[in-house]
Amino acid sequence: LPELSQEINQSSRPRLCLNFRLWFEGEEGAGIGVFREAMTLLFLALVGQVPSSPLPKLLCSYNGGYTFHIDPTTSQLPLAYFEMLGRLIGLSFVYGVLLPFRLCKPLLGLILGEVVSVEDLKDVDEGLFSETIEDPMNPGKFLHVDMIEDGRDIPVTQENKFEYIQEFTTFRVFFGVNEQIASLLRGLHYILPKHILNGTFTIEELSVILSGSLEVNIEEWKSNTNYADGISP
């Protein structure tokens, strides 16, 4: 896995997107099936689901594994890991390899060049989202951090509470992971330039492209199934 991640980071876009092949040492298999298996294994390692993996865990979930965000404990790791993750996500798009997890809405929005919204906070911290929306003028006991210049000296009022909520949302989504997100986007946009993504897909559409749909249409499945050898619905 370390050799594979280094190879991905150092390869050119044409090589990665047009003629990238993977295989396992000591095995004869090659092609898209092996490529999918290797990509899936690498993604699972990066969310901590491969025992004894030499790669660090880069993503974590705040909602029981439903969606994943950058792990804030990764601030000491080389940013090259996150650039590699971005390239891998881009390659999964190019080759049609589904991610074995779902990215949270803030990350998907940033990939598409969108501004983080208040609703995005729900994907990162639903409890905090509820508290902030219900009573933004009494956010509880937090570490004092200026989200805007001299912010600690500006009281939250009815007039500025929506500005506060927006600033707080951006702060919470980016806190401790700003550089990691920037590196991830740099890697992803190396494979998929911004103009290909921005304004082309919605967050929901990109989520389905990268991770598949959570819904199964049984009737559509039946109508697109070919039966043979006497087998019938």
Protein backbone atom coordinates (compact mmCIF):
# COMPACT_ATOMS: atom_id res chain seq x y z
CA LEU A 1 0.00 0.00 0.00
CA PRO A 2 2.72 2.61 0.71
CA GLU A 3 4.30 1.88 -2.69
CA LEU A 4 0.93 2.24 -4.39
CA SER A 5 0.17 5.58 -2.73
CA GLN A 6 3.60 6.93 -3.70
CA GLU A 7 3.10 5.78 -7.29
CA ILE A 8 -0.29 7.52 -7.47
CA ASN A 9 1.11 10.80 -6.12
CA GLN A 10 4.06 10.87 -8.50
CA SER A 11 2.34 9.80 -11.72
CA SER A 12 1.19 12.24 -14.41
CA ARG A 13 -2.49 12.85 -15.21
CA PRO A 14 -2.31 11.12 -18.65
CA ARG A 15 -0.76 8.01 -17.16
CA LEU A 16 -3.27 7.85 -14.32
CA CYS A 17 -6.36 8.57 -16.42
CA LEU A 18 -5.54 6.74 -19.65
CA ASN A 19 -3.29 3.80 -18.91
CA PHE A 20 -3.19 3.12 -15.19
CA ARG A 21 -2.98 -0.58 -14.31
CA LEU A 22 -2.63 -2.34 -10.97
CA TRP A 23 -1.88 -5.90 -9.95
CA PHE A 24 -0.94 -7.77 -6.80
CA GLU A 25 2.57 -9.15 -6.46
CA GLY A 26 2.60 -12.92 -6.92
CA GLU A 27 -0.81 -13.02 -8.63
CA GLU A 28 -1.49 -13.35 -12.35
CA GLY A 29 -4.76 -11.38 -12.43
CA ALA A 30 -4.85 -7.90 -13.91
CA GLY A 31 -7.36 -5.52 -15.44
CA ILE A 32 -10.31 -3.54 -14.14
CA GLY A 33 -11.35 -6.19 -11.60
CA VAL A 34 -7.96 -6.13 -9.89
CA PHE A 35 -7.89 -2.35 -10.17
CA ARG A 36 -11.26 -2.09 -8.38
CA GLU A 37 -10.11 -4.47 -5.66
CA ALA A 38 -6.87 -2.53 -5.08
CA MET A 39 -8.67 0.82 -5.03
CA THR A 40 -11.29 -0.47 -2.58
CA LEU A 41 -8.58 -1.87 -0.30
CA LEU A 42 -6.73 1.42 -0.36
CA PHE A 43 -9.87 3.43 0.45
CA LEU A 44 -10.76 1.09 3.31
CA ALA A 45 -7.26 1.51 4.73
CA LEU A 46 -7.69 5.28 4.71
CA VAL A 47 -10.81 5.02 6.89
CA GLY A 48 -9.13 2.61 9.30
CA GLN A 49 -10.89 -0.57 8.17
CA VAL A 50 -7.83 -2.59 7.10
CA PRO A 51 -6.19 -4.27 10.13
CA SER A 52 -2.46 -3.61 10.50
CA SER A 53 -2.45 -1.24 7.52
CA PRO A 54 0.79 0.74 7.16
CA LEU A 55 -1.26 3.73 5.97
CA PRO A 56 -2.70 6.19 8.49
CA LYS A 57 -6.41 6.71 8.97
CA LEU A 58 -7.32 9.97 7.21
CA LEU A 59 -11.11 10.04 7.50
CA CYS A 60 -13.51 9.65 10.40
CA SER A 61 -17.27 9.56 10.85
CA TYR A 62 -19.37 11.66 13.20
CA ASN A 63 -22.61 9.79 12.48
CA GLY A 64 -21.90 6.12 12.97
CA GLY A 65 -20.24 5.49 9.62
CA TYR A 66 -22.95 7.03 7.46
CA THR A 67 -20.63 9.73 6.04
CA PHE A 68 -16.95 10.58 6.49
CA HIS A 69 -15.01 13.80 7.02
CA ILE A 70 -11.30 14.58 7.41
CA ASP A 71 -10.06 13.29 10.77
CA PRO A 72 -8.97 16.34 12.85
CA THR A 73 -6.31 14.24 14.62
CA THR A 74 -4.32 14.05 11.36
CA SER A 75 -2.79 17.54 11.62
CA GLN A 76 0.73 16.13 12.10
CA LEU A 77 0.63 13.85 9.07
CA PRO A 78 2.34 14.76 5.78
CA LEU A 79 -0.10 16.59 3.52
CA ALA A 80 0.97 14.30 0.67
CA TYR A 81 -1.38 11.66 2.10
CA PHE A 82 -4.35 13.96 1.55
CA GLU A 83 -3.24 14.89 -1.94
CA MET A 84 -3.09 11.16 -2.67
CA LEU A 85 -6.61 10.77 -1.26
CA GLY A 86 -7.82 13.52 -3.58
CA ARG A 87 -6.23 11.82 -6.58
CA LEU A 88 -7.79 8.51 -5.59
CA ILE A 89 -11.25 10.10 -5.41
CA GLY A 90 -10.66 11.64 -8.83
CA LEU A 91 -9.58 8.28 -10.25
CA SER A 92 -12.63 6.57 -8.77
CA PHE A 93 -14.71 9.09 -10.74
CA VAL A 94 -12.76 8.49 -13.97
CA TYR A 95 -12.82 4.68 -13.78
CA GLY A 96 -16.26 4.27 -12.24
CA VAL A 97 -14.99 2.65 -9.03
CA LEU A 98 -17.43 3.29 -6.18
CA LEU A 99 -16.02 4.47 -2.88
CA PRO A 100 -16.70 1.99 -0.02
CA PHE A 101 -17.98 4.93 2.06
CA ARG A 102 -19.82 8.23 1.57
CA LEU A 103 -18.20 11.65 1.89
CA CYS A 104 -19.99 14.19 4.08
CA LYS A 105 -21.90 17.05 2.45
CA PRO A 106 -19.33 19.76 3.36
CA LEU A 107 -16.57 17.87 1.53
CA LEU A 108 -18.78 17.20 -1.48
CA GLY A 109 -19.75 20.86 -1.59
CA LEU A 110 -16.14 21.99 -1.44
CA ILE A 111 -15.26 19.61 -4.29
CA LEU A 112 -17.94 21.35 -6.36
CA GLY A 113 -16.73 24.82 -5.36
CA GLU A 114 -19.76 25.58 -3.21
CA VAL A 115 -19.82 27.64 -0.01
CA VAL A 116 -20.36 25.65 3.18
CA SER A 117 -23.97 26.07 4.36
CA VAL A 118 -25.53 25.88 7.80
CA GLU A 119 -27.25 22.60 6.87
CA ASP A 120 -23.80 21.09 6.24
CA LEU A 121 -23.03 21.31 9.96
CA LYS A 122 -25.59 18.53 10.53
CA ASP A 123 -23.33 16.07 8.68
CA VAL A 124 -20.35 16.94 10.89
CA ASP A 125 -22.03 17.43 14.27
CA GLU A 126 -25.81 17.02 14.38
CA GLY A 127 -26.04 17.80 18.10
CA LEU A 128 -24.09 21.00 17.70
CA PHE A 129 -26.17 21.88 14.64
CA SER A 130 -29.38 21.61 16.65
CA GLU A 131 -27.99 23.68 19.53
CA THR A 132 -26.69 26.38 17.20
CA ILE A 133 -29.93 26.69 15.22
CA GLU A 134 -32.19 26.60 18.28
CA ASP A 135 -30.27 29.14 20.36
CA PRO A 136 -27.41 30.83 18.46
CA MET A 137 -27.11 33.57 21.09
CA ASN A 138 -26.30 31.04 23.83
CA PRO A 139 -23.90 28.52 22.28
CA GLY A 140 -22.75 27.07 25.60
CA LYS A 141 -19.20 26.68 26.87
CA PHE A 142 -16.66 26.77 24.06
CA LEU A 143 -13.05 27.72 23.66
CA HIS A 144 -12.84 31.42 22.76
CA VAL A 145 -11.69 31.66 19.13
CA ASP A 146 -12.09 34.72 16.91
CA MET A 147 -13.98 33.57 13.81
CA ILE A 148 -13.81 37.16 12.52
CA GLU A 149 -11.48 39.96 13.57
CA ASP A 150 -12.05 40.75 17.29
CA GLY A 151 -15.04 38.42 17.20
CA ARG A 152 -14.87 37.62 20.92
CA ASP A 153 -15.75 41.26 21.65
CA ILE A 154 -18.83 41.27 19.41
CA PRO A 155 -22.00 39.99 21.11
CA VAL A 156 -24.40 37.78 19.16
CA THR A 157 -27.66 39.66 18.61
CA GLN A 158 -30.88 39.19 16.69
CA GLU A 159 -29.40 41.40 13.96
CA ASN A 160 -26.17 39.45 13.44
CA LYS A 161 -27.14 35.93 14.51
CA PHE A 162 -27.35 34.58 10.94
CA GLU A 163 -23.88 35.93 10.19
CA TYR A 164 -22.67 34.25 13.40
CA ILE A 165 -24.26 30.92 12.42
CA GLN A 166 -22.58 31.02 8.99
CA GLU A 167 -19.17 31.89 10.46
CA PHE A 168 -19.55 29.24 13.15
CA THR A 169 -20.51 26.60 10.57
CA THR A 170 -17.46 27.37 8.45
CA PHE A 171 -15.24 27.34 11.55
CA ARG A 172 -16.58 23.98 12.75
CA VAL A 173 -16.28 22.29 9.35
CA PHE A 174 -12.73 23.51 8.76
CA PHE A 175 -11.39 23.45 12.35
CA GLY A 176 -8.13 21.50 12.46
CA VAL A 177 -8.48 20.23 8.88
CA ASN A 178 -8.06 23.33 6.71
CA GLU A 179 -4.68 22.35 5.24
CA GLN A 180 -5.73 18.72 4.81
CA ILE A 181 -8.82 19.76 2.84
CA ALA A 182 -6.74 22.09 0.65
CA SER A 183 -4.35 19.23 -0.15
CA LEU A 184 -7.21 16.83 -0.89
CA LEU A 185 -8.76 19.34 -3.30
CA ARG A 186 -5.38 19.95 -4.96
CA GLY A 187 -5.02 16.23 -5.61
CA LEU A 188 -8.58 15.80 -6.82
CA HIS A 189 -8.45 18.81 -9.14
CA TYR A 190 -5.21 17.48 -10.61
CA ILE A 191 -7.28 14.56 -11.94
CA LEU A 192 -10.56 16.44 -12.44
CA PRO A 193 -10.03 20.17 -13.15
CA LYS A 194 -12.43 22.52 -11.38
CA HIS A 195 -14.29 23.54 -14.54
CA ILE A 196 -15.38 19.92 -15.10
CA LEU A 197 -17.08 19.76 -11.71
CA ASN A 198 -18.21 23.28 -10.83
CA GLY A 199 -21.82 23.83 -11.84
CA THR A 200 -22.07 20.39 -13.47
CA PHE A 201 -23.39 18.30 -10.58
CA THR A 202 -25.35 18.82 -7.41
CA ILE A 203 -24.04 17.47 -4.11
CA GLU A 204 -26.59 14.65 -4.26
CA GLU A 205 -25.60 13.71 -7.82
CA LEU A 206 -21.88 13.69 -6.99
CA SER A 207 -22.54 11.53 -3.95
CA VAL A 208 -24.35 8.95 -6.12
CA ILE A 209 -21.57 9.02 -8.75
CA LEU A 210 -18.84 8.47 -6.14
CA SER A 211 -20.59 6.09 -3.74
CA GLY A 212 -23.71 4.79 -5.45
CA SER A 213 -27.34 5.19 -4.51
CA LEU A 214 -28.78 4.20 -1.14
CA GLU A 215 -32.07 3.29 -2.80
CA VAL A 216 -32.78 0.11 -4.78
CA ASN A 217 -35.57 0.28 -7.39
CA ILE A 218 -36.81 -3.30 -7.53
CA GLU A 219 -39.00 -2.75 -10.61
CA GLU A 220 -36.14 -1.16 -12.55
CA TRP A 221 -33.89 -4.02 -11.47
CA LYS A 222 -36.40 -6.57 -12.75
CA SER A 223 -36.93 -4.77 -16.07
CA ASN A 224 -33.19 -4.71 -16.75
CA THR A 225 -32.54 -8.36 -15.87
CA ASN A 226 -32.01 -10.96 -18.59
CA TYR A 227 -33.25 -14.47 -17.73
CA ALA A 228 -31.85 -17.66 -19.27
CA ASP A 229 -31.91 -21.47 -18.90
CA GLY A 230 -35.59 -21.57 -18.04
CA ILE A 231 -35.29 -19.12 -15.17
CA SER A 232 -38.12 -16.60 -14.93
CA PRO A 233 -39.09 -13.83 -12.50
